[in-house]
């Protein structure tokens, strides 16, 4: 998969994150964890965008690596929000699966890029 697929999925995921943030603030009155979720969840696509403008393979790889780590962080915040009762299990499963899919795509891109850099 190329980084355009990753970008498209990350952008749609960011929209879900923004909506989740709005819900958490307005309905659950939760402001701290949800802000962390908003930051990490929306930065995935931003880092993919930066990677697309990378000036070298190493720069591209570094930005994809950051996007991958932000995805892992987002999964952490989602789990914490679920386990503290702010997100119901069904909603959690849906959004967590999306995050997991993005993480797998980014890891694949990262692995391929690192192989290409070392050749």
PDB file of N, CA and C in Angstrom:
ATOM      1  N   UNK A   1       0.839  -1.183   0.000  1.00  0.00           N
ATOM      2  CA  UNK A   1       0.000   0.000   0.000  1.00  0.00           C
ATOM      3  C   UNK A   1       0.883   1.245   0.000  1.00  0.00           C
ATOM      4  N   UNK A   2       0.425   2.246  -0.697  1.00  0.00           N
ATOM      5  CA  UNK A   2       1.225   3.459  -0.724  1.00  0.00           C
ATOM      6  C   UNK A   2       0.725   4.466   0.304  1.00  0.00           C
ATOM      7  N   UNK A   3       1.472   5.554   0.411  1.00  0.00           N
ATOM      8  CA  UNK A   3       1.132   6.523   1.449  1.00  0.00           C
ATOM      9  C   UNK A   3      -0.137   7.316   1.142  1.00  0.00           C
ATOM     10  N   UNK A   4      -0.662   7.266  -0.097  1.00  0.00           N
ATOM     11  CA  UNK A   4      -1.945   7.913  -0.380  1.00  0.00           C
ATOM     12  C   UNK A   4      -3.091   7.168   0.294  1.00  0.00           C
ATOM     13  N   UNK A   5      -3.019   5.841   0.321  1.00  0.00           N
ATOM     14  CA  UNK A   5      -4.018   5.042   1.033  1.00  0.00           C
ATOM     15  C   UNK A   5      -3.927   5.369   2.526  1.00  0.00           C
ATOM     16  N   UNK A   6      -2.716   5.435   3.030  1.00  0.00           N
ATOM     17  CA  UNK A   6      -2.514   5.767   4.443  1.00  0.00           C
ATOM     18  C   UNK A   6      -3.066   7.154   4.741  1.00  0.00           C
ATOM     19  N   UNK A   7      -2.786   8.106   3.864  1.00  0.00           N
ATOM     20  CA  UNK A   7      -3.281   9.470   4.056  1.00  0.00           C
ATOM     21  C   UNK A   7      -4.810   9.497   4.076  1.00  0.00           C
ATOM     22  N   UNK A   8      -5.437   8.847   3.106  1.00  0.00           N
ATOM     23  CA  UNK A   8      -6.903   8.842   3.033  1.00  0.00           C
ATOM     24  C   UNK A   8      -7.518   8.250   4.299  1.00  0.00           C
ATOM     25  N   UNK A   9      -6.969   7.137   4.747  1.00  0.00           N
ATOM     26  CA  UNK A   9      -7.488   6.497   5.962  1.00  0.00           C
ATOM     27  C   UNK A   9      -7.231   7.370   7.190  1.00  0.00           C
ATOM     28  N   UNK A  10      -6.058   7.978   7.252  1.00  0.00           N
ATOM     29  CA  UNK A  10      -5.722   8.837   8.394  1.00  0.00           C
ATOM     30  C   UNK A  10      -6.607  10.078   8.426  1.00  0.00           C
ATOM     31  N   UNK A  11      -6.939  10.622   7.256  1.00  0.00           N
ATOM     32  CA  UNK A  11      -7.792  11.805   7.203  1.00  0.00           C
ATOM     33  C   UNK A  11      -9.205  11.472   7.695  1.00  0.00           C
ATOM     34  N   UNK A  12      -9.738  10.362   7.218  1.00  0.00           N
ATOM     35  CA  UNK A  12     -11.068   9.934   7.665  1.00  0.00           C
ATOM     36  C   UNK A  12     -11.055   9.613   9.164  1.00  0.00           C
ATOM     37  N   UNK A  13      -9.952   9.034   9.610  1.00  0.00           N
ATOM     38  CA  UNK A  13      -9.797   8.725  11.030  1.00  0.00           C
ATOM     39  C   UNK A  13      -9.761  10.021  11.847  1.00  0.00           C
ATOM     40  N   UNK A  14      -9.065  11.024  11.359  1.00  0.00           N
ATOM     41  CA  UNK A  14      -8.984  12.311  12.060  1.00  0.00           C
ATOM     42  C   UNK A  14     -10.372  12.932  12.219  1.00  0.00           C
ATOM     43  N   UNK A  15     -11.199  12.787  11.211  1.00  0.00           N
ATOM     44  CA  UNK A  15     -12.579  13.297  11.307  1.00  0.00           C
ATOM     45  C   UNK A  15     -13.315  12.578  12.433  1.00  0.00           C
ATOM     46  N   UNK A  16     -13.132  11.262  12.524  1.00  0.00           N
ATOM     47  CA  UNK A  16     -13.764  10.498  13.612  1.00  0.00           C
ATOM     48  C   UNK A  16     -13.246  10.959  14.971  1.00  0.00           C
ATOM     49  N   UNK A  17     -11.963  11.241  15.032  1.00  0.00           N
ATOM     50  CA  UNK A  17     -11.347  11.675  16.286  1.00  0.00           C
ATOM     51  C   UNK A  17     -11.911  13.034  16.711  1.00  0.00           C
ATOM     52  N   UNK A  18     -12.039  13.949  15.764  1.00  0.00           N
ATOM     53  CA  UNK A  18     -12.602  15.271  16.072  1.00  0.00           C
ATOM     54  C   UNK A  18     -14.029  15.118  16.599  1.00  0.00           C
ATOM     55  N   UNK A  19     -14.803  14.261  15.967  1.00  0.00           N
ATOM     56  CA  UNK A  19     -16.177  14.032  16.421  1.00  0.00           C
ATOM     57  C   UNK A  19     -16.198  13.367  17.806  1.00  0.00           C
ATOM     58  N   UNK A  20     -15.278  12.440  18.042  1.00  0.00           N
ATOM     59  CA  UNK A  20     -15.185  11.798  19.357  1.00  0.00           C
ATOM     60  C   UNK A  20     -14.800  12.833  20.419  1.00  0.00           C
ATOM     61  N   UNK A  21     -13.871  13.713  20.069  1.00  0.00           N
ATOM     62  CA  UNK A  21     -13.451  14.766  20.987  1.00  0.00           C
ATOM     63  C   UNK A  21     -14.641  15.661  21.352  1.00  0.00           C
ATOM     64  N   UNK A  22     -15.386  16.063  20.345  1.00  0.00           N
ATOM     65  CA  UNK A  22     -16.553  16.910  20.571  1.00  0.00           C
ATOM     66  C   UNK A  22     -17.554  16.199  21.497  1.00  0.00           C
ATOM     67  N   UNK A  23     -17.790  14.917  21.228  1.00  0.00           N
ATOM     68  CA  UNK A  23     -18.706  14.130  22.063  1.00  0.00           C
ATOM     69  C   UNK A  23     -18.198  14.051  23.506  1.00  0.00           C
ATOM     70  N   UNK A  24     -16.926  13.747  23.667  1.00  0.00           N
ATOM     71  CA  UNK A  24     -16.355  13.606  25.006  1.00  0.00           C
ATOM     72  C   UNK A  24     -16.444  14.907  25.796  1.00  0.00           C
ATOM     73  N   UNK A  25     -16.220  16.017  25.129  1.00  0.00           N
ATOM     74  CA  UNK A  25     -16.302  17.316  25.807  1.00  0.00           C
ATOM     75  C   UNK A  25     -17.740  17.714  26.117  1.00  0.00           C
ATOM     76  N   UNK A  26     -18.604  17.588  25.133  1.00  0.00           N
ATOM     77  CA  UNK A  26     -19.985  18.071  25.292  1.00  0.00           C
ATOM     78  C   UNK A  26     -20.860  17.127  26.118  1.00  0.00           C
ATOM     79  N   UNK A  27     -20.732  15.827  25.874  1.00  0.00           N
ATOM     80  CA  UNK A  27     -21.620  14.871  26.537  1.00  0.00           C
ATOM     81  C   UNK A  27     -21.043  14.293  27.826  1.00  0.00           C
ATOM     82  N   UNK A  28     -19.757  14.015  27.827  1.00  0.00           N
ATOM     83  CA  UNK A  28     -19.136  13.362  28.977  1.00  0.00           C
ATOM     84  C   UNK A  28     -18.396  14.354  29.886  1.00  0.00           C
ATOM     85  N   UNK A  29     -18.259  15.583  29.418  1.00  0.00           N
ATOM     86  CA  UNK A  29     -17.549  16.625  30.174  1.00  0.00           C
ATOM     87  C   UNK A  29     -16.127  16.185  30.542  1.00  0.00           C
ATOM     88  N   UNK A  30     -15.482  15.509  29.615  1.00  0.00           N
ATOM     89  CA  UNK A  30     -14.112  15.033  29.812  1.00  0.00           C
ATOM     90  C   UNK A  30     -13.218  15.876  28.907  1.00  0.00           C
ATOM     91  N   UNK A  31     -12.210  16.538  29.499  1.00  0.00           N
ATOM     92  CA  UNK A  31     -11.417  17.499  28.739  1.00  0.00           C
ATOM     93  C   UNK A  31      -9.924  17.167  28.649  1.00  0.00           C
ATOM     94  N   UNK A  32      -9.410  16.376  29.551  1.00  0.00           N
ATOM     95  CA  UNK A  32      -7.968  16.132  29.598  1.00  0.00           C
ATOM     96  C   UNK A  32      -7.563  14.987  28.668  1.00  0.00           C
ATOM     97  N   UNK A  33      -8.115  13.813  28.884  1.00  0.00           N
ATOM     98  CA  UNK A  33      -7.776  12.657  28.050  1.00  0.00           C
ATOM     99  C   UNK A  33      -8.212  12.879  26.606  1.00  0.00           C
ATOM    100  N   UNK A  34      -9.381  13.499  26.446  1.00  0.00           N
ATOM    101  CA  UNK A  34      -9.900  13.735  25.092  1.00  0.00           C
ATOM    102  C   UNK A  34      -8.997  14.686  24.310  1.00  0.00           C
ATOM    103  N   UNK A  35      -8.366  15.634  24.990  1.00  0.00           N
ATOM    104  CA  UNK A  35      -7.442  16.557  24.314  1.00  0.00           C
ATOM    105  C   UNK A  35      -6.203  15.792  23.832  1.00  0.00           C
ATOM    106  N   UNK A  36      -5.741  14.858  24.635  1.00  0.00           N
ATOM    107  CA  UNK A  36      -4.608  14.027  24.231  1.00  0.00           C
ATOM    108  C   UNK A  36      -4.977  13.194  22.999  1.00  0.00           C
ATOM    109  N   UNK A  37      -6.194  12.642  23.029  1.00  0.00           N
ATOM    110  CA  UNK A  37      -6.687  11.857  21.898  1.00  0.00           C
ATOM    111  C   UNK A  37      -6.757  12.718  20.644  1.00  0.00           C
ATOM    112  N   UNK A  38      -7.278  13.926  20.785  1.00  0.00           N
ATOM    113  CA  UNK A  38      -7.386  14.846  19.649  1.00  0.00           C
ATOM    114  C   UNK A  38      -6.015  15.145  19.056  1.00  0.00           C
ATOM    115  N   UNK A  39      -5.056  15.432  19.900  1.00  0.00           N
ATOM    116  CA  UNK A  39      -3.708  15.775  19.417  1.00  0.00           C
ATOM    117  C   UNK A  39      -3.052  14.614  18.674  1.00  0.00           C
ATOM    118  N   UNK A  40      -3.053  13.445  19.294  1.00  0.00           N
ATOM    119  CA  UNK A  40      -2.371  12.315  18.656  1.00  0.00           C
ATOM    120  C   UNK A  40      -3.141  11.802  17.446  1.00  0.00           C
ATOM    121  N   UNK A  41      -4.461  11.751  17.560  1.00  0.00           N
ATOM    122  CA  UNK A  41      -5.280  11.201  16.478  1.00  0.00           C
ATOM    123  C   UNK A  41      -5.301  12.036  15.218  1.00  0.00           C
ATOM    124  N   UNK A  42      -5.169  13.348  15.365  1.00  0.00           N
ATOM    125  CA  UNK A  42      -5.155  14.213  14.178  1.00  0.00           C
ATOM    126  C   UNK A  42      -3.750  14.425  13.631  1.00  0.00           C
ATOM    127  N   UNK A  43      -2.743  14.152  14.441  1.00  0.00           N
ATOM    128  CA  UNK A  43      -1.372  14.354  13.963  1.00  0.00           C
ATOM    129  C   UNK A  43      -0.886  13.224  13.050  1.00  0.00           C
ATOM    130  N   UNK A  44      -1.605  12.109  13.043  1.00  0.00           N
ATOM    131  CA  UNK A  44      -1.216  10.991  12.169  1.00  0.00           C
ATOM    132  C   UNK A  44      -1.214  11.460  10.721  1.00  0.00           C
ATOM    133  N   UNK A  45      -2.333  11.981  10.271  1.00  0.00           N
ATOM    134  CA  UNK A  45      -2.446  12.462   8.895  1.00  0.00           C
ATOM    135  C   UNK A  45      -1.526  13.635   8.605  1.00  0.00           C
ATOM    136  N   UNK A  46      -1.345  14.501   9.590  1.00  0.00           N
ATOM    137  CA  UNK A  46      -0.448  15.649   9.403  1.00  0.00           C
ATOM    138  C   UNK A  46       0.982  15.177   9.141  1.00  0.00           C
ATOM    139  N   UNK A  47       1.416  14.157   9.849  1.00  0.00           N
ATOM    140  CA  UNK A  47       2.770  13.632   9.641  1.00  0.00           C
ATOM    141  C   UNK A  47       2.894  12.887   8.320  1.00  0.00           C
ATOM    142  N   UNK A  48       1.839  12.228   7.905  1.00  0.00           N
ATOM    143  CA  UNK A  48       1.857  11.586   6.583  1.00  0.00           C
ATOM    144  C   UNK A  48       1.971  12.658   5.506  1.00  0.00           C
ATOM    145  N   UNK A  49       1.258  13.762   5.682  1.00  0.00           N
ATOM    146  CA  UNK A  49       1.343  14.869   4.733  1.00  0.00           C
ATOM    147  C   UNK A  49       2.764  15.423   4.676  1.00  0.00           C
ATOM    148  N   UNK A  50       3.379  15.584   5.832  1.00  0.00           N
ATOM    149  CA  UNK A  50       4.767  16.053   5.861  1.00  0.00           C
ATOM    150  C   UNK A  50       5.692  15.050   5.179  1.00  0.00           C
ATOM    151  N   UNK A  51       5.433  13.775   5.362  1.00  0.00           N
ATOM    152  CA  UNK A  51       6.262  12.743   4.735  1.00  0.00           C
ATOM    153  C   UNK A  51       6.196  12.840   3.212  1.00  0.00           C
ATOM    154  N   UNK A  52       4.987  13.115   2.707  1.00  0.00           N
ATOM    155  CA  UNK A  52       4.817  13.237   1.254  1.00  0.00           C
ATOM    156  C   UNK A  52       5.677  14.367   0.695  1.00  0.00           C
ATOM    157  N   UNK A  53       5.976  15.373   1.517  1.00  0.00           N
ATOM    158  CA  UNK A  53       6.820  16.485   1.095  1.00  0.00           C
ATOM    159  C   UNK A  53       8.262  16.323   1.513  1.00  0.00           C
ATOM    160  N   UNK A  54       8.620  15.130   1.958  1.00  0.00           N
ATOM    161  CA  UNK A  54       9.984  14.881   2.424  1.00  0.00           C
ATOM    162  C   UNK A  54      11.026  15.147   1.353  1.00  0.00           C
ATOM    163  N   UNK A  55      12.173  15.660   1.770  1.00  0.00           N
ATOM    164  CA  UNK A  55      13.234  16.003   0.820  1.00  0.00           C
ATOM    165  C   UNK A  55      14.185  14.844   0.558  1.00  0.00           C
ATOM    166  N   UNK A  56      14.034  13.775   1.314  1.00  0.00           N
ATOM    167  CA  UNK A  56      14.873  12.593   1.109  1.00  0.00           C
ATOM    168  C   UNK A  56      14.114  11.363   1.603  1.00  0.00           C
ATOM    169  N   UNK A  57      14.636  10.191   1.268  1.00  0.00           N
ATOM    170  CA  UNK A  57      14.020   8.958   1.759  1.00  0.00           C
ATOM    171  C   UNK A  57      14.087   8.890   3.280  1.00  0.00           C
ATOM    172  N   UNK A  58      15.196   9.379   3.833  1.00  0.00           N
ATOM    173  CA  UNK A  58      15.347   9.368   5.292  1.00  0.00           C
ATOM    174  C   UNK A  58      14.333  10.302   5.948  1.00  0.00           C
ATOM    175  N   UNK A  59      14.101  11.466   5.349  1.00  0.00           N
ATOM    176  CA  UNK A  59      13.114  12.407   5.868  1.00  0.00           C
ATOM    177  C   UNK A  59      11.716  11.795   5.799  1.00  0.00           C
ATOM    178  N   UNK A  60      11.402  11.179   4.672  1.00  0.00           N
ATOM    179  CA  UNK A  60      10.115  10.502   4.499  1.00  0.00           C
ATOM    180  C   UNK A  60       9.939   9.435   5.579  1.00  0.00           C
ATOM    181  N   UNK A  61      10.955   8.623   5.767  1.00  0.00           N
ATOM    182  CA  UNK A  61      10.903   7.543   6.743  1.00  0.00           C
ATOM    183  C   UNK A  61      10.714   8.082   8.155  1.00  0.00           C
ATOM    184  N   UNK A  62      11.387   9.160   8.478  1.00  0.00           N
ATOM    185  CA  UNK A  62      11.279   9.743   9.820  1.00  0.00           C
ATOM    186  C   UNK A  62       9.853  10.218  10.089  1.00  0.00           C
ATOM    187  N   UNK A  63       9.223  10.851   9.105  1.00  0.00           N
ATOM    188  CA  UNK A  63       7.850  11.350   9.288  1.00  0.00           C
ATOM    189  C   UNK A  63       6.840  10.207   9.367  1.00  0.00           C
ATOM    190  N   UNK A  64       7.041   9.169   8.563  1.00  0.00           N
ATOM    191  CA  UNK A  64       6.163   7.997   8.645  1.00  0.00           C
ATOM    192  C   UNK A  64       6.325   7.322  10.008  1.00  0.00           C
ATOM    193  N   UNK A  65       7.542   7.306  10.515  1.00  0.00           N
ATOM    194  CA  UNK A  65       7.800   6.742  11.839  1.00  0.00           C
ATOM    195  C   UNK A  65       7.048   7.515  12.920  1.00  0.00           C
ATOM    196  N   UNK A  66       7.048   8.836  12.819  1.00  0.00           N
ATOM    197  CA  UNK A  66       6.313   9.656  13.777  1.00  0.00           C
ATOM    198  C   UNK A  66       4.818   9.378  13.666  1.00  0.00           C
ATOM    199  N   UNK A  67       4.302   9.296  12.444  1.00  0.00           N
ATOM    200  CA  UNK A  67       2.883   8.997  12.242  1.00  0.00           C
ATOM    201  C   UNK A  67       2.526   7.647  12.875  1.00  0.00           C
ATOM    202  N   UNK A  68       3.399   6.662  12.701  1.00  0.00           N
ATOM    203  CA  UNK A  68       3.175   5.335  13.284  1.00  0.00           C
ATOM    204  C   UNK A  68       3.122   5.425  14.812  1.00  0.00           C
ATOM    205  N   UNK A  69       4.057   6.155  15.396  1.00  0.00           N
ATOM    206  CA  UNK A  69       4.088   6.298  16.861  1.00  0.00           C
ATOM    207  C   UNK A  69       2.867   7.053  17.371  1.00  0.00           C
ATOM    208  N   UNK A  70       2.417   8.045  16.624  1.00  0.00           N
ATOM    209  CA  UNK A  70       1.204   8.774  17.005  1.00  0.00           C
ATOM    210  C   UNK A  70      -0.014   7.851  16.972  1.00  0.00           C
ATOM    211  N   UNK A  71      -0.017   6.913  16.035  1.00  0.00           N
ATOM    212  CA  UNK A  71      -1.113   5.943  15.972  1.00  0.00           C
ATOM    213  C   UNK A  71      -1.106   5.059  17.216  1.00  0.00           C
ATOM    214  N   UNK A  72       0.078   4.622  17.619  1.00  0.00           N
ATOM    215  CA  UNK A  72       0.183   3.813  18.834  1.00  0.00           C
ATOM    216  C   UNK A  72      -0.283   4.599  20.054  1.00  0.00           C
ATOM    217  N   UNK A  73       0.104   5.871  20.121  1.00  0.00           N
ATOM    218  CA  UNK A  73      -0.334   6.709  21.239  1.00  0.00           C
ATOM    219  C   UNK A  73      -1.854   6.865  21.235  1.00  0.00           C
ATOM    220  N   UNK A  74      -2.414   7.053  20.067  1.00  0.00           N
ATOM    221  CA  UNK A  74      -3.873   7.190  19.947  1.00  0.00           C
ATOM    222  C   UNK A  74      -4.566   5.938  20.448  1.00  0.00           C
ATOM    223  N   UNK A  75      -4.030   4.781  20.120  1.00  0.00           N
ATOM    224  CA  UNK A  75      -4.613   3.525  20.594  1.00  0.00           C
ATOM    225  C   UNK A  75      -4.567   3.460  22.124  1.00  0.00           C
ATOM    226  N   UNK A  76      -3.510   3.973  22.699  1.00  0.00           N
ATOM    227  CA  UNK A  76      -3.393   4.020  24.163  1.00  0.00           C
ATOM    228  C   UNK A  76      -4.514   4.874  24.768  1.00  0.00           C
ATOM    229  N   UNK A  77      -4.690   6.093  24.238  1.00  0.00           N
ATOM    230  CA  UNK A  77      -5.721   6.987  24.778  1.00  0.00           C
ATOM    231  C   UNK A  77      -7.112   6.393  24.588  1.00  0.00           C
ATOM    232  N   UNK A  78      -7.349   5.757  23.456  1.00  0.00           N
ATOM    233  CA  UNK A  78      -8.644   5.112  23.233  1.00  0.00           C
ATOM    234  C   UNK A  78      -8.897   4.021  24.272  1.00  0.00           C
ATOM    235  N   UNK A  79      -7.880   3.213  24.528  1.00  0.00           N
ATOM    236  CA  UNK A  79      -8.020   2.142  25.533  1.00  0.00           C
ATOM    237  C   UNK A  79      -8.295   2.720  26.912  1.00  0.00           C
ATOM    238  N   UNK A  80      -7.585   3.769  27.256  1.00  0.00           N
ATOM    239  CA  UNK A  80      -7.775   4.393  28.561  1.00  0.00           C
ATOM    240  C   UNK A  80      -9.174   4.995  28.691  1.00  0.00           C
ATOM    241  N   UNK A  81      -9.634   5.640  27.644  1.00  0.00           N
ATOM    242  CA  UNK A  81     -10.987   6.209  27.664  1.00  0.00           C
ATOM    243  C   UNK A  81     -12.059   5.119  27.784  1.00  0.00           C
ATOM    244  N   UNK A  82     -11.826   3.991  27.129  1.00  0.00           N
ATOM    245  CA  UNK A  82     -12.775   2.872  27.249  1.00  0.00           C
ATOM    246  C   UNK A  82     -12.749   2.301  28.666  1.00  0.00           C
ATOM    247  N   UNK A  83     -11.560   2.061  29.179  1.00  0.00           N
ATOM    248  CA  UNK A  83     -11.429   1.419  30.484  1.00  0.00           C
ATOM    249  C   UNK A  83     -11.845   2.315  31.647  1.00  0.00           C
ATOM    250  N   UNK A  84     -11.986   3.607  31.397  1.00  0.00           N
ATOM    251  CA  UNK A  84     -12.474   4.523  32.431  1.00  0.00           C
ATOM    252  C   UNK A  84     -13.941   4.886  32.219  1.00  0.00           C
ATOM    253  N   UNK A  85     -14.574   4.238  31.233  1.00  0.00           N
ATOM    254  CA  UNK A  85     -16.002   4.400  31.036  1.00  0.00           C
ATOM    255  C   UNK A  85     -16.433   5.599  30.207  1.00  0.00           C
ATOM    256  N   UNK A  86     -15.506   6.272  29.578  1.00  0.00           N
ATOM    257  CA  UNK A  86     -15.875   7.427  28.756  1.00  0.00           C
ATOM    258  C   UNK A  86     -16.313   7.042  27.346  1.00  0.00           C
ATOM    259  N   UNK A  87     -15.819   5.904  26.864  1.00  0.00           N
ATOM    260  CA  UNK A  87     -16.204   5.399  25.544  1.00  0.00           C
ATOM    261  C   UNK A  87     -16.783   4.008  25.742  1.00  0.00           C
ATOM    262  N   UNK A  88     -17.947   3.751  25.148  1.00  0.00           N
ATOM    263  CA  UNK A  88     -18.559   2.429  25.294  1.00  0.00           C
ATOM    264  C   UNK A  88     -17.791   1.404  24.453  1.00  0.00           C
ATOM    265  N   UNK A  89     -17.829   0.142  24.852  1.00  0.00           N
ATOM    266  CA  UNK A  89     -17.037  -0.898  24.172  1.00  0.00           C
ATOM    267  C   UNK A  89     -17.294  -1.008  22.664  1.00  0.00           C
ATOM    268  N   UNK A  90     -18.541  -0.839  22.229  1.00  0.00           N
ATOM    269  CA  UNK A  90     -18.850  -0.967  20.804  1.00  0.00           C
ATOM    270  C   UNK A  90     -18.196   0.158  19.999  1.00  0.00           C
ATOM    271  N   UNK A  91     -18.320   1.380  20.479  1.00  0.00           N
ATOM    272  CA  UNK A  91     -17.688   2.523  19.802  1.00  0.00           C
ATOM    273  C   UNK A  91     -16.178   2.363  19.811  1.00  0.00           C
ATOM    274  N   UNK A  92     -15.650   1.917  20.951  1.00  0.00           N
ATOM    275  CA  UNK A  92     -14.209   1.695  21.073  1.00  0.00           C
ATOM    276  C   UNK A  92     -13.715   0.717  20.020  1.00  0.00           C
ATOM    277  N   UNK A  93     -14.387  -0.427  19.899  1.00  0.00           N
ATOM    278  CA  UNK A  93     -13.949  -1.451  18.946  1.00  0.00           C
ATOM    279  C   UNK A  93     -13.857  -0.898  17.532  1.00  0.00           C
ATOM    280  N   UNK A  94     -14.847  -0.143  17.137  1.00  0.00           N
ATOM    281  CA  UNK A  94     -14.893   0.403  15.786  1.00  0.00           C
ATOM    282  C   UNK A  94     -13.726   1.354  15.511  1.00  0.00           C
ATOM    283  N   UNK A  95     -13.531   2.310  16.389  1.00  0.00           N
ATOM    284  CA  UNK A  95     -12.479   3.306  16.156  1.00  0.00           C
ATOM    285  C   UNK A  95     -11.090   2.704  16.388  1.00  0.00           C
ATOM    286  N   UNK A  96     -10.983   1.773  17.337  1.00  0.00           N
ATOM    287  CA  UNK A  96      -9.702   1.118  17.606  1.00  0.00           C
ATOM    288  C   UNK A  96      -9.272   0.276  16.406  1.00  0.00           C
ATOM    289  N   UNK A  97     -10.227  -0.404  15.781  1.00  0.00           N
ATOM    290  CA  UNK A  97      -9.907  -1.195  14.583  1.00  0.00           C
ATOM    291  C   UNK A  97      -9.369  -0.303  13.472  1.00  0.00           C
ATOM    292  N   UNK A  98      -9.945   0.878  13.310  1.00  0.00           N
ATOM    293  CA  UNK A  98      -9.441   1.827  12.310  1.00  0.00           C
ATOM    294  C   UNK A  98      -8.007   2.239  12.630  1.00  0.00           C
ATOM    295  N   UNK A  99      -7.743   2.538  13.898  1.00  0.00           N
ATOM    296  CA  UNK A  99      -6.391   2.919  14.313  1.00  0.00           C
ATOM    297  C   UNK A  99      -5.414   1.772  14.073  1.00  0.00           C
ATOM    298  N   UNK A 100      -5.848   0.564  14.384  1.00  0.00           N
ATOM    299  CA  UNK A 100      -4.995  -0.609  14.195  1.00  0.00           C
ATOM    300  C   UNK A 100      -4.667  -0.825  12.713  1.00  0.00           C
ATOM    301  N   UNK A 101      -5.653  -0.617  11.859  1.00  0.00           N
ATOM    302  CA  UNK A 101      -5.428  -0.763  10.420  1.00  0.00           C
ATOM    303  C   UNK A 101      -4.418   0.280   9.926  1.00  0.00           C
ATOM    304  N   UNK A 102      -4.560   1.506  10.365  1.00  0.00           N
ATOM    305  CA  UNK A 102      -3.616   2.556   9.977  1.00  0.00           C
ATOM    306  C   UNK A 102      -2.215   2.218  10.473  1.00  0.00           C
ATOM    307  N   UNK A 103      -2.106   1.730  11.694  1.00  0.00           N
ATOM    308  CA  UNK A 103      -0.800   1.355  12.249  1.00  0.00           C
ATOM    309  C   UNK A 103      -0.133   0.272  11.394  1.00  0.00           C
ATOM    310  N   UNK A 104      -0.907  -0.707  10.974  1.00  0.00           N
ATOM    311  CA  UNK A 104      -0.355  -1.787  10.143  1.00  0.00           C
ATOM    312  C   UNK A 104       0.118  -1.261   8.792  1.00  0.00           C
ATOM    313  N   UNK A 105      -0.655  -0.370   8.192  1.00  0.00           N
ATOM    314  CA  UNK A 105      -0.267   0.228   6.906  1.00  0.00           C
ATOM    315  C   UNK A 105       1.026   1.026   7.067  1.00  0.00           C
ATOM    316  N   UNK A 106       1.068   1.857   8.102  1.00  0.00           N
ATOM    317  CA  UNK A 106       2.260   2.688   8.321  1.00  0.00           C
ATOM    318  C   UNK A 106       3.488   1.846   8.622  1.00  0.00           C
ATOM    319  N   UNK A 107       3.307   0.781   9.397  1.00  0.00           N
ATOM    320  CA  UNK A 107       4.447  -0.089   9.699  1.00  0.00           C
ATOM    321  C   UNK A 107       4.965  -0.752   8.424  1.00  0.00           C
ATOM    322  N   UNK A 108       4.054  -1.154   7.553  1.00  0.00           N
ATOM    323  CA  UNK A 108       4.452  -1.753   6.284  1.00  0.00           C
ATOM    324  C   UNK A 108       5.232  -0.757   5.420  1.00  0.00           C
ATOM    325  N   UNK A 109       4.722   0.482   5.342  1.00  0.00           N
ATOM    326  CA  UNK A 109       5.422   1.522   4.580  1.00  0.00           C
ATOM    327  C   UNK A 109       6.800   1.771   5.193  1.00  0.00           C
ATOM    328  N   UNK A 110       6.848   1.839   6.498  1.00  0.00           N
ATOM    329  CA  UNK A 110       8.105   2.097   7.198  1.00  0.00           C
ATOM    330  C   UNK A 110       9.122   0.993   6.949  1.00  0.00           C
ATOM    331  N   UNK A 111       8.663  -0.243   7.018  1.00  0.00           N
ATOM    332  CA  UNK A 111       9.547  -1.385   6.789  1.00  0.00           C
ATOM    333  C   UNK A 111      10.107  -1.356   5.365  1.00  0.00           C
ATOM    334  N   UNK A 112       9.239  -1.122   4.391  1.00  0.00           N
ATOM    335  CA  UNK A 112       9.660  -1.055   2.986  1.00  0.00           C
ATOM    336  C   UNK A 112      10.628   0.097   2.755  1.00  0.00           C
ATOM    337  N   UNK A 113      10.326   1.241   3.328  1.00  0.00           N
ATOM    338  CA  UNK A 113      11.188   2.421   3.170  1.00  0.00           C
ATOM    339  C   UNK A 113      12.562   2.183   3.769  1.00  0.00           C
ATOM    340  N   UNK A 114      12.584   1.587   4.935  1.00  0.00           N
ATOM    341  CA  UNK A 114      13.881   1.325   5.602  1.00  0.00           C
ATOM    342  C   UNK A 114      14.721   0.323   4.816  1.00  0.00           C
ATOM    343  N   UNK A 115      14.049  -0.658   4.205  1.00  0.00           N
ATOM    344  CA  UNK A 115      14.775  -1.625   3.361  1.00  0.00           C
ATOM    345  C   UNK A 115      15.375  -0.900   2.172  1.00  0.00           C
ATOM    346  N   UNK A 116      14.584  -0.020   1.532  1.00  0.00           N
ATOM    347  CA  UNK A 116      15.050   0.724   0.357  1.00  0.00           C
ATOM    348  C   UNK A 116      16.193   1.676   0.699  1.00  0.00           C
ATOM    349  N   UNK A 117      16.162   2.262   1.880  1.00  0.00           N
ATOM    350  CA  UNK A 117      17.229   3.175   2.285  1.00  0.00           C
ATOM    351  C   UNK A 117      18.536   2.419   2.464  1.00  0.00           C
ATOM    352  N   UNK A 118      18.449   1.204   3.009  1.00  0.00           N
ATOM    353  CA  UNK A 118      19.646   0.419   3.310  1.00  0.00           C
ATOM    354  C   UNK A 118      20.230  -0.288   2.097  1.00  0.00           C
ATOM    355  N   UNK A 119      19.566  -0.217   0.957  1.00  0.00           N
ATOM    356  CA  UNK A 119      20.096  -0.898  -0.242  1.00  0.00           C
ATOM    357  C   UNK A 119      20.961   0.030  -1.052  1.00  0.00           C
TER     358      UNK A 119
END
